[in-house]
Amino acid sequence: MAKHPCVYILASGKRGYIYIGVTSDIAARYHQHQKGTFEGFAKRRNCKRLVHIEMFATMDEAITREKQLKNWHRDWKINLVEGDNPEWRDLGLEMGLR
């Protein structure tokens, strides 16, 4: 998978803890979260399920969007995820990132 700036949302489960991050290599970052080698909130709260991803042309655009999403209310974040992924499926598995 080619490297592209993106914002991603991980969850501990359906409507569970939500983590929002940014990366230029979603495959590598997904593996870090799966293995628990990426320290912080996501690891402490067991957020491993990739439930939303947005791709961008530049890292600046991705960072701007990440900041926007982090300022959203929890209900807005849930609505964003459920708009495209109502079952909260692990998109990482569907993308073959495992």
PDB file of N, CA and C in Angstrom:
ATOM      1  N   MET A   1       0.843  -1.179   0.000  1.00  0.00           N
ATOM      2  CA  MET A   1       0.000   0.000   0.000  1.00  0.00           C
ATOM      3  C   MET A   1       0.889   1.244   0.000  1.00  0.00           C
ATOM      4  N   ALA A   2       0.615   2.161  -0.890  1.00  0.00           N
ATOM      5  CA  ALA A   2       1.399   3.390  -0.989  1.00  0.00           C
ATOM      6  C   ALA A   2       1.149   4.288   0.221  1.00  0.00           C
ATOM      7  N   LYS A   3       2.124   5.116   0.529  1.00  0.00           N
ATOM      8  CA  LYS A   3       1.993   6.033   1.652  1.00  0.00           C
ATOM      9  C   LYS A   3       1.215   7.273   1.214  1.00  0.00           C
ATOM     10  N   HIS A   4       0.200   7.628   2.010  1.00  0.00           N
ATOM     11  CA  HIS A   4      -0.617   8.811   1.770  1.00  0.00           C
ATOM     12  C   HIS A   4      -1.011   9.394   3.117  1.00  0.00           C
ATOM     13  N   PRO A   5      -0.992  10.721   3.251  1.00  0.00           N
ATOM     14  CA  PRO A   5      -1.459  11.330   4.498  1.00  0.00           C
ATOM     15  C   PRO A   5      -2.921  10.983   4.744  1.00  0.00           C
ATOM     16  N   CYS A   6      -3.225  10.643   5.975  1.00  0.00           N
ATOM     17  CA  CYS A   6      -4.613  10.343   6.316  1.00  0.00           C
ATOM     18  C   CYS A   6      -4.883  10.599   7.787  1.00  0.00           C
ATOM     19  N   VAL A   7      -6.156  10.770   8.067  1.00  0.00           N
ATOM     20  CA  VAL A   7      -6.665  10.816   9.427  1.00  0.00           C
ATOM     21  C   VAL A   7      -7.399   9.505   9.639  1.00  0.00           C
ATOM     22  N   TYR A   8      -7.253   8.925  10.804  1.00  0.00           N
ATOM     23  CA  TYR A   8      -7.912   7.657  11.078  1.00  0.00           C
ATOM     24  C   TYR A   8      -8.541   7.683  12.456  1.00  0.00           C
ATOM     25  N   ILE A   9      -9.571   6.883  12.615  1.00  0.00           N
ATOM     26  CA  ILE A   9     -10.226   6.735  13.901  1.00  0.00           C
ATOM     27  C   ILE A   9     -10.171   5.265  14.292  1.00  0.00           C
ATOM     28  N   LEU A  10      -9.677   5.026  15.499  1.00  0.00           N
ATOM     29  CA  LEU A  10      -9.663   3.703  16.095  1.00  0.00           C
ATOM     30  C   LEU A  10     -10.699   3.675  17.214  1.00  0.00           C
ATOM     31  N   ALA A  11     -11.252   2.514  17.473  1.00  0.00           N
ATOM     32  CA  ALA A  11     -12.206   2.357  18.563  1.00  0.00           C
ATOM     33  C   ALA A  11     -11.902   1.072  19.323  1.00  0.00           C
ATOM     34  N   SER A  12     -12.305   1.068  20.579  1.00  0.00           N
ATOM     35  CA  SER A  12     -12.136  -0.137  21.390  1.00  0.00           C
ATOM     36  C   SER A  12     -13.244  -1.140  21.092  1.00  0.00           C
ATOM     37  N   GLY A  13     -14.319  -0.692  20.510  1.00  0.00           N
ATOM     38  CA  GLY A  13     -15.460  -1.524  20.155  1.00  0.00           C
ATOM     39  C   GLY A  13     -16.566  -0.616  19.664  1.00  0.00           C
ATOM     40  N   LYS A  14     -17.702  -1.164  19.357  1.00  0.00           N
ATOM     41  CA  LYS A  14     -18.815  -0.360  18.869  1.00  0.00           C
ATOM     42  C   LYS A  14     -19.226   0.646  19.939  1.00  0.00           C
ATOM     43  N   ARG A  15     -19.117   1.940  19.592  1.00  0.00           N
ATOM     44  CA  ARG A  15     -19.438   3.056  20.490  1.00  0.00           C
ATOM     45  C   ARG A  15     -18.574   3.062  21.752  1.00  0.00           C
ATOM     46  N   GLY A  16     -17.395   2.453  21.654  1.00  0.00           N
ATOM     47  CA  GLY A  16     -16.474   2.421  22.790  1.00  0.00           C
ATOM     48  C   GLY A  16     -15.576   3.646  22.787  1.00  0.00           C
ATOM     49  N   TYR A  17     -14.396   3.486  23.369  1.00  0.00           N
ATOM     50  CA  TYR A  17     -13.413   4.567  23.357  1.00  0.00           C
ATOM     51  C   TYR A  17     -13.036   4.882  21.918  1.00  0.00           C
ATOM     52  N   ILE A  18     -12.779   6.162  21.647  1.00  0.00           N
ATOM     53  CA  ILE A  18     -12.446   6.619  20.300  1.00  0.00           C
ATOM     54  C   ILE A  18     -11.103   7.331  20.336  1.00  0.00           C
ATOM     55  N   TYR A  19     -10.242   6.969  19.390  1.00  0.00           N
ATOM     56  CA  TYR A  19      -8.936   7.625  19.237  1.00  0.00           C
ATOM     57  C   TYR A  19      -8.828   8.154  17.816  1.00  0.00           C
ATOM     58  N   ILE A  20      -8.377   9.391  17.679  1.00  0.00           N
ATOM     59  CA  ILE A  20      -8.180  10.004  16.367  1.00  0.00           C
ATOM     60  C   ILE A  20      -6.694  10.272  16.178  1.00  0.00           C
ATOM     61  N   GLY A  21      -6.160   9.839  15.039  1.00  0.00           N
ATOM     62  CA  GLY A  21      -4.746  10.042  14.758  1.00  0.00           C
ATOM     63  C   GLY A  21      -4.514  10.439  13.312  1.00  0.00           C
ATOM     64  N   VAL A  22      -3.264  10.783  13.019  1.00  0.00           N
ATOM     65  CA  VAL A  22      -2.857  11.162  11.669  1.00  0.00           C
ATOM     66  C   VAL A  22      -1.556  10.434  11.347  1.00  0.00           C
ATOM     67  N   THR A  23      -1.409  10.039  10.093  1.00  0.00           N
ATOM     68  CA  THR A  23      -0.195   9.331   9.667  1.00  0.00           C
ATOM     69  C   THR A  23      -0.038   9.448   8.159  1.00  0.00           C
ATOM     70  N   SER A  24       1.151   9.189   7.682  1.00  0.00           N
ATOM     71  CA  SER A  24       1.371   9.113   6.233  1.00  0.00           C
ATOM     72  C   SER A  24       1.503   7.655   5.784  1.00  0.00           C
ATOM     73  N   ASP A  25       1.449   6.732   6.751  1.00  0.00           N
ATOM     74  CA  ASP A  25       1.585   5.315   6.443  1.00  0.00           C
ATOM     75  C   ASP A  25       0.606   4.518   7.307  1.00  0.00           C
ATOM     76  N   ILE A  26      -0.638   4.418   6.840  1.00  0.00           N
ATOM     77  CA  ILE A  26      -1.681   3.784   7.636  1.00  0.00           C
ATOM     78  C   ILE A  26      -1.384   2.310   7.897  1.00  0.00           C
ATOM     79  N   ALA A  27      -0.750   1.631   6.963  1.00  0.00           N
ATOM     80  CA  ALA A  27      -0.435   0.213   7.168  1.00  0.00           C
ATOM     81  C   ALA A  27       0.521   0.043   8.349  1.00  0.00           C
ATOM     82  N   ALA A  28       1.582   0.811   8.363  1.00  0.00           N
ATOM     83  CA  ALA A  28       2.548   0.717   9.457  1.00  0.00           C
ATOM     84  C   ALA A  28       1.925   1.134  10.782  1.00  0.00           C
ATOM     85  N   ARG A  29       1.136   2.210  10.770  1.00  0.00           N
ATOM     86  CA  ARG A  29       0.524   2.692  12.006  1.00  0.00           C
ATOM     87  C   ARG A  29      -0.498   1.680  12.532  1.00  0.00           C
ATOM     88  N   TYR A  30      -1.255   1.067  11.628  1.00  0.00           N
ATOM     89  CA  TYR A  30      -2.229   0.054  12.031  1.00  0.00           C
ATOM     90  C   TYR A  30      -1.506  -1.102  12.738  1.00  0.00           C
ATOM     91  N   HIS A  31      -0.400  -1.544  12.180  1.00  0.00           N
ATOM     92  CA  HIS A  31       0.377  -2.634  12.792  1.00  0.00           C
ATOM     93  C   HIS A  31       0.900  -2.220  14.166  1.00  0.00           C
ATOM     94  N   GLN A  32       1.353  -0.976  14.305  1.00  0.00           N
ATOM     95  CA  GLN A  32       1.832  -0.500  15.600  1.00  0.00           C
ATOM     96  C   GLN A  32       0.719  -0.567  16.641  1.00  0.00           C
ATOM     97  N   HIS A  33      -0.461  -0.122  16.263  1.00  0.00           N
ATOM     98  CA  HIS A  33      -1.583  -0.165  17.198  1.00  0.00           C
ATOM     99  C   HIS A  33      -1.973  -1.610  17.513  1.00  0.00           C
ATOM    100  N   GLN A  34      -1.970  -2.488  16.526  1.00  0.00           N
ATOM    101  CA  GLN A  34      -2.336  -3.882  16.741  1.00  0.00           C
ATOM    102  C   GLN A  34      -1.369  -4.577  17.695  1.00  0.00           C
ATOM    103  N   LYS A  35      -0.095  -4.259  17.566  1.00  0.00           N
ATOM    104  CA  LYS A  35       0.932  -4.893  18.396  1.00  0.00           C
ATOM    105  C   LYS A  35       1.134  -4.190  19.731  1.00  0.00           C
ATOM    106  N   GLY A  36       0.526  -3.010  19.896  1.00  0.00           N
ATOM    107  CA  GLY A  36       0.662  -2.267  21.148  1.00  0.00           C
ATOM    108  C   GLY A  36       1.985  -1.549  21.286  1.00  0.00           C
ATOM    109  N   THR A  37       2.654  -1.282  20.166  1.00  0.00           N
ATOM    110  CA  THR A  37       3.951  -0.604  20.232  1.00  0.00           C
ATOM    111  C   THR A  37       3.821   0.910  20.104  1.00  0.00           C
ATOM    112  N   PHE A  38       2.600   1.404  19.889  1.00  0.00           N
ATOM    113  CA  PHE A  38       2.358   2.844  19.771  1.00  0.00           C
ATOM    114  C   PHE A  38       1.760   3.301  21.102  1.00  0.00           C
ATOM    115  N   GLU A  39       2.585   3.922  21.930  1.00  0.00           N
ATOM    116  CA  GLU A  39       2.184   4.303  23.284  1.00  0.00           C
ATOM    117  C   GLU A  39       1.126   5.406  23.281  1.00  0.00           C
ATOM    118  N   GLY A  40       0.351   5.461  24.353  1.00  0.00           N
ATOM    119  CA  GLY A  40      -0.592   6.553  24.538  1.00  0.00           C
ATOM    120  C   GLY A  40      -2.004   6.076  24.800  1.00  0.00           C
ATOM    121  N   PHE A  41      -2.943   6.987  24.555  1.00  0.00           N
ATOM    122  CA  PHE A  41      -4.354   6.752  24.836  1.00  0.00           C
ATOM    123  C   PHE A  41      -4.874   5.487  24.173  1.00  0.00           C
ATOM    124  N   ALA A  42      -4.588   5.313  22.891  1.00  0.00           N
ATOM    125  CA  ALA A  42      -5.111   4.160  22.151  1.00  0.00           C
ATOM    126  C   ALA A  42      -4.662   2.847  22.787  1.00  0.00           C
ATOM    127  N   LYS A  43      -3.434   2.769  23.207  1.00  0.00           N
ATOM    128  CA  LYS A  43      -2.930   1.542  23.835  1.00  0.00           C
ATOM    129  C   LYS A  43      -3.577   1.337  25.196  1.00  0.00           C
ATOM    130  N   ARG A  44      -3.666   2.402  25.992  1.00  0.00           N
ATOM    131  CA  ARG A  44      -4.253   2.293  27.326  1.00  0.00           C
ATOM    132  C   ARG A  44      -5.725   1.882  27.278  1.00  0.00           C
ATOM    133  N   ARG A  45      -6.425   2.322  26.248  1.00  0.00           N
ATOM    134  CA  ARG A  45      -7.866   2.060  26.137  1.00  0.00           C
ATOM    135  C   ARG A  45      -8.191   0.928  25.156  1.00  0.00           C
ATOM    136  N   ASN A  46      -7.155   0.248  24.666  1.00  0.00           N
ATOM    137  CA  ASN A  46      -7.307  -0.903  23.764  1.00  0.00           C
ATOM    138  C   ASN A  46      -8.066  -0.545  22.483  1.00  0.00           C
ATOM    139  N   CYS A  47      -7.763   0.613  21.935  1.00  0.00           N
ATOM    140  CA  CYS A  47      -8.370   1.040  20.666  1.00  0.00           C
ATOM    141  C   CYS A  47      -7.547   0.444  19.529  1.00  0.00           C
ATOM    142  N   LYS A  48      -8.046  -0.628  18.948  1.00  0.00           N
ATOM    143  CA  LYS A  48      -7.324  -1.330  17.884  1.00  0.00           C
ATOM    144  C   LYS A  48      -8.136  -1.466  16.610  1.00  0.00           C
ATOM    145  N   ARG A  49      -9.409  -1.199  16.680  1.00  0.00           N
ATOM    146  CA  ARG A  49     -10.309  -1.388  15.540  1.00  0.00           C
ATOM    147  C   ARG A  49     -10.322  -0.105  14.694  1.00  0.00           C
ATOM    148  N   LEU A  50      -9.820  -0.201  13.461  1.00  0.00           N
ATOM    149  CA  LEU A  50      -9.827   0.934  12.536  1.00  0.00           C
ATOM    150  C   LEU A  50     -11.234   1.073  11.966  1.00  0.00           C
ATOM    151  N   VAL A  51     -11.938   2.142  12.383  1.00  0.00           N
ATOM    152  CA  VAL A  51     -13.346   2.267  12.004  1.00  0.00           C
ATOM    153  C   VAL A  51     -13.619   3.398  11.009  1.00  0.00           C
ATOM    154  N   HIS A  52     -12.633   4.259  10.782  1.00  0.00           N
ATOM    155  CA  HIS A  52     -12.829   5.369   9.842  1.00  0.00           C
ATOM    156  C   HIS A  52     -11.462   5.833   9.343  1.00  0.00           C
ATOM    157  N   ILE A  53     -11.423   6.206   8.074  1.00  0.00           N
ATOM    158  CA  ILE A  53     -10.182   6.723   7.488  1.00  0.00           C
ATOM    159  C   ILE A  53     -10.530   7.758   6.425  1.00  0.00           C
ATOM    160  N   GLU A  54      -9.768   8.838   6.407  1.00  0.00           N
ATOM    161  CA  GLU A  54      -9.912   9.884   5.399  1.00  0.00           C
ATOM    162  C   GLU A  54      -8.538  10.174   4.815  1.00  0.00           C
ATOM    163  N   MET A  55      -8.422  10.109   3.498  1.00  0.00           N
ATOM    164  CA  MET A  55      -7.152  10.345   2.814  1.00  0.00           C
ATOM    165  C   MET A  55      -7.056  11.809   2.371  1.00  0.00           C
ATOM    166  N   PHE A  56      -5.821  12.336   2.332  1.00  0.00           N
ATOM    167  CA  PHE A  56      -5.579  13.722   1.943  1.00  0.00           C
ATOM    168  C   PHE A  56      -4.379  13.821   1.005  1.00  0.00           C
ATOM    169  N   ALA A  57      -4.335  14.920   0.282  1.00  0.00           N
ATOM    170  CA  ALA A  57      -3.230  15.152  -0.654  1.00  0.00           C
ATOM    171  C   ALA A  57      -1.952  15.549   0.078  1.00  0.00           C
ATOM    172  N   THR A  58      -2.095  16.269   1.187  1.00  0.00           N
ATOM    173  CA  THR A  58      -0.918  16.725   1.925  1.00  0.00           C
ATOM    174  C   THR A  58      -1.070  16.437   3.413  1.00  0.00           C
ATOM    175  N   MET A  59       0.060  16.370   4.099  1.00  0.00           N
ATOM    176  CA  MET A  59       0.039  16.153   5.538  1.00  0.00           C
ATOM    177  C   MET A  59      -0.578  17.355   6.258  1.00  0.00           C
ATOM    178  N   ASP A  60      -0.360  18.558   5.745  1.00  0.00           N
ATOM    179  CA  ASP A  60      -0.962  19.741   6.365  1.00  0.00           C
ATOM    180  C   ASP A  60      -2.488  19.644   6.380  1.00  0.00           C
ATOM    181  N   GLU A  61      -3.066  19.161   5.280  1.00  0.00           N
ATOM    182  CA  GLU A  61      -4.521  18.992   5.223  1.00  0.00           C
ATOM    183  C   GLU A  61      -4.985  17.941   6.236  1.00  0.00           C
ATOM    184  N   ALA A  62      -4.237  16.856   6.336  1.00  0.00           N
ATOM    185  CA  ALA A  62      -4.587  15.786   7.271  1.00  0.00           C
ATOM    186  C   ALA A  62      -4.508  16.278   8.718  1.00  0.00           C
ATOM    187  N   ILE A  63      -3.485  17.026   9.041  1.00  0.00           N
ATOM    188  CA  ILE A  63      -3.324  17.554  10.400  1.00  0.00           C
ATOM    189  C   ILE A  63      -4.441  18.532  10.736  1.00  0.00           C
ATOM    190  N   THR A  64      -4.803  19.365   9.783  1.00  0.00           N
ATOM    191  CA  THR A  64      -5.910  20.303   9.994  1.00  0.00           C
ATOM    192  C   THR A  64      -7.197  19.550  10.298  1.00  0.00           C
ATOM    193  N   ARG A  65      -7.473  18.498   9.536  1.00  0.00           N
ATOM    194  CA  ARG A  65      -8.679  17.704   9.754  1.00  0.00           C
ATOM    195  C   ARG A  65      -8.620  16.971  11.094  1.00  0.00           C
ATOM    196  N   GLU A  66      -7.450  16.442  11.458  1.00  0.00           N
ATOM    197  CA  GLU A  66      -7.302  15.759  12.743  1.00  0.00           C
ATOM    198  C   GLU A  66      -7.661  16.711  13.880  1.00  0.00           C
ATOM    199  N   LYS A  67      -7.138  17.915  13.836  1.00  0.00           N
ATOM    200  CA  LYS A  67      -7.427  18.907  14.878  1.00  0.00           C
ATOM    201  C   LYS A  67      -8.918  19.223  14.926  1.00  0.00           C
ATOM    202  N   GLN A  68      -9.537  19.332  13.748  1.00  0.00           N
ATOM    203  CA  GLN A  68     -10.969  19.607  13.688  1.00  0.00           C
ATOM    204  C   GLN A  68     -11.754  18.483  14.370  1.00  0.00           C
ATOM    205  N   LEU A  69     -11.445  17.241  13.996  1.00  0.00           N
ATOM    206  CA  LEU A  69     -12.169  16.107  14.558  1.00  0.00           C
ATOM    207  C   LEU A  69     -11.963  15.966  16.061  1.00  0.00           C
ATOM    208  N   LYS A  70     -10.763  16.246  16.529  1.00  0.00           N
ATOM    209  CA  LYS A  70     -10.490  16.136  17.962  1.00  0.00           C
ATOM    210  C   LYS A  70     -11.294  17.146  18.769  1.00  0.00           C
ATOM    211  N   ASN A  71     -11.722  18.239  18.125  1.00  0.00           N
ATOM    212  CA  ASN A  71     -12.528  19.248  18.803  1.00  0.00           C
ATOM    213  C   ASN A  71     -14.027  18.970  18.721  1.00  0.00           C
ATOM    214  N   TRP A  72     -14.416  17.963  17.978  1.00  0.00           N
ATOM    215  CA  TRP A  72     -15.832  17.613  17.840  1.00  0.00           C
ATOM    216  C   TRP A  72     -16.352  16.981  19.120  1.00  0.00           C
ATOM    217  N   HIS A  73     -17.661  17.081  19.316  1.00  0.00           N
ATOM    218  CA  HIS A  73     -18.335  16.362  20.401  1.00  0.00           C
ATOM    219  C   HIS A  73     -18.321  14.871  20.082  1.00  0.00           C
ATOM    220  N   ARG A  74     -18.366  14.070  21.113  1.00  0.00           N
ATOM    221  CA  ARG A  74     -18.337  12.617  20.940  1.00  0.00           C
ATOM    222  C   ARG A  74     -19.458  12.136  20.010  1.00  0.00           C
ATOM    223  N   ASP A  75     -20.666  12.667  20.178  1.00  0.00           N
ATOM    224  CA  ASP A  75     -21.784  12.251  19.330  1.00  0.00           C
ATOM    225  C   ASP A  75     -21.515  12.518  17.856  1.00  0.00           C
ATOM    226  N   TRP A  76     -20.851  13.615  17.556  1.00  0.00           N
ATOM    227  CA  TRP A  76     -20.523  13.941  16.157  1.00  0.00           C
ATOM    228  C   TRP A  76     -19.555  12.905  15.598  1.00  0.00           C
ATOM    229  N   LYS A  77     -18.582  12.508  16.414  1.00  0.00           N
ATOM    230  CA  LYS A  77     -17.606  11.498  15.978  1.00  0.00           C
ATOM    231  C   LYS A  77     -18.300  10.162  15.718  1.00  0.00           C
ATOM    232  N   ILE A  78     -19.209   9.798  16.603  1.00  0.00           N
ATOM    233  CA  ILE A  78     -19.959   8.549  16.430  1.00  0.00           C
ATOM    234  C   ILE A  78     -20.773   8.611  15.146  1.00  0.00           C
ATOM    235  N   ASN A  79     -21.429   9.735  14.897  1.00  0.00           N
ATOM    236  CA  ASN A  79     -22.215   9.889  13.668  1.00  0.00           C
ATOM    237  C   ASN A  79     -21.336   9.800  12.424  1.00  0.00           C
ATOM    238  N   LEU A  80     -20.127  10.350  12.491  1.00  0.00           N
ATOM    239  CA  LEU A  80     -19.196  10.271  11.365  1.00  0.00           C
ATOM    240  C   LEU A  80     -18.858   8.812  11.065  1.00  0.00           C
ATOM    241  N   VAL A  81     -18.504   8.068  12.091  1.00  0.00           N
ATOM    242  CA  VAL A  81     -18.159   6.652  11.905  1.00  0.00           C
ATOM    243  C   VAL A  81     -19.358   5.886  11.359  1.00  0.00           C
ATOM    244  N   GLU A  82     -20.498   6.063  11.993  1.00  0.00           N
ATOM    245  CA  GLU A  82     -21.674   5.279  11.620  1.00  0.00           C
ATOM    246  C   GLU A  82     -22.252   5.671  10.263  1.00  0.00           C
ATOM    247  N   GLY A  83     -21.877   6.840   9.750  1.00  0.00           N
ATOM    248  CA  GLY A  83     -22.323   7.232   8.422  1.00  0.00           C
ATOM    249  C   GLY A  83     -21.805   6.312   7.334  1.00  0.00           C
ATOM    250  N   ASP A  84     -20.580   5.839   7.480  1.00  0.00           N
ATOM    251  CA  ASP A  84     -19.971   4.940   6.494  1.00  0.00           C
ATOM    252  C   ASP A  84     -19.763   3.526   7.020  1.00  0.00           C
ATOM    253  N   ASN A  85     -19.771   3.374   8.318  1.00  0.00           N
ATOM    254  CA  ASN A  85     -19.431   2.090   8.925  1.00  0.00           C
ATOM    255  C   ASN A  85     -20.356   1.830  10.127  1.00  0.00           C
ATOM    256  N   PRO A  86     -21.644   1.624   9.874  1.00  0.00           N
ATOM    257  CA  PRO A  86     -22.603   1.487  10.984  1.00  0.00           C
ATOM    258  C   PRO A  86     -22.343   0.288  11.893  1.00  0.00           C
ATOM    259  N   GLU A  87     -21.642  -0.719  11.400  1.00  0.00           N
ATOM    260  CA  GLU A  87     -21.351  -1.906  12.209  1.00  0.00           C
ATOM    261  C   GLU A  87     -20.032  -1.783  12.964  1.00  0.00           C
ATOM    262  N   TRP A  88     -19.300  -0.694  12.729  1.00  0.00           N
ATOM    263  CA  TRP A  88     -17.993  -0.473  13.354  1.00  0.00           C
ATOM    264  C   TRP A  88     -17.032  -1.620  13.025  1.00  0.00           C
ATOM    265  N   ARG A  89     -17.078  -2.062  11.755  1.00  0.00           N
ATOM    266  CA  ARG A  89     -16.167  -3.117  11.294  1.00  0.00           C
ATOM    267  C   ARG A  89     -14.721  -2.610  11.353  1.00  0.00           C
ATOM    268  N   ASP A  90     -13.785  -3.525  11.483  1.00  0.00           N
ATOM    269  CA  ASP A  90     -12.373  -3.182  11.451  1.00  0.00           C
ATOM    270  C   ASP A  90     -11.964  -3.044   9.975  1.00  0.00           C
ATOM    271  N   LEU A  91     -11.839  -1.824   9.519  1.00  0.00           N
ATOM    272  CA  LEU A  91     -11.499  -1.562   8.127  1.00  0.00           C
ATOM    273  C   LEU A  91     -10.066  -1.998   7.808  1.00  0.00           C
ATOM    274  N   GLY A  92      -9.229  -2.061   8.802  1.00  0.00           N
ATOM    275  CA  GLY A  92      -7.863  -2.549   8.589  1.00  0.00           C
ATOM    276  C   GLY A  92      -7.837  -3.967   8.069  1.00  0.00           C
ATOM    277  N   LEU A  93      -8.710  -4.791   8.598  1.00  0.00           N
ATOM    278  CA  LEU A  93      -8.810  -6.175   8.122  1.00  0.00           C
ATOM    279  C   LEU A  93      -9.332  -6.200   6.692  1.00  0.00           C
ATOM    280  N   GLU A  94     -10.340  -5.372   6.419  1.00  0.00           N
ATOM    281  CA  GLU A  94     -10.921  -5.326   5.079  1.00  0.00           C
ATOM    282  C   GLU A  94      -9.939  -4.779   4.043  1.00  0.00           C
ATOM    283  N   MET A  95      -9.015  -3.917   4.479  1.00  0.00           N
ATOM    284  CA  MET A  95      -8.013  -3.351   3.589  1.00  0.00           C
ATOM    285  C   MET A  95      -6.801  -4.264   3.450  1.00  0.00           C
ATOM    286  N   GLY A  96      -6.796  -5.363   4.174  1.00  0.00           N
ATOM    287  CA  GLY A  96      -5.684  -6.296   4.114  1.00  0.00           C
ATOM    288  C   GLY A  96      -4.435  -5.812   4.842  1.00  0.00           C
ATOM    289  N   LEU A  97      -4.624  -5.003   5.873  1.00  0.00           N
ATOM    290  CA  LEU A  97      -3.481  -4.450   6.594  1.00  0.00           C
ATOM    291  C   LEU A  97      -2.914  -5.406   7.644  1.00  0.00           C
ATOM    292  N   ARG A  98      -3.577  -6.481   7.908  1.00  0.00           N
ATOM    293  CA  ARG A  98      -3.129  -7.405   8.954  1.00  0.00           C
ATOM    294  C   ARG A  98      -2.026  -8.246   8.516  1.00  0.00           C
TER     295      ARG A  98
END
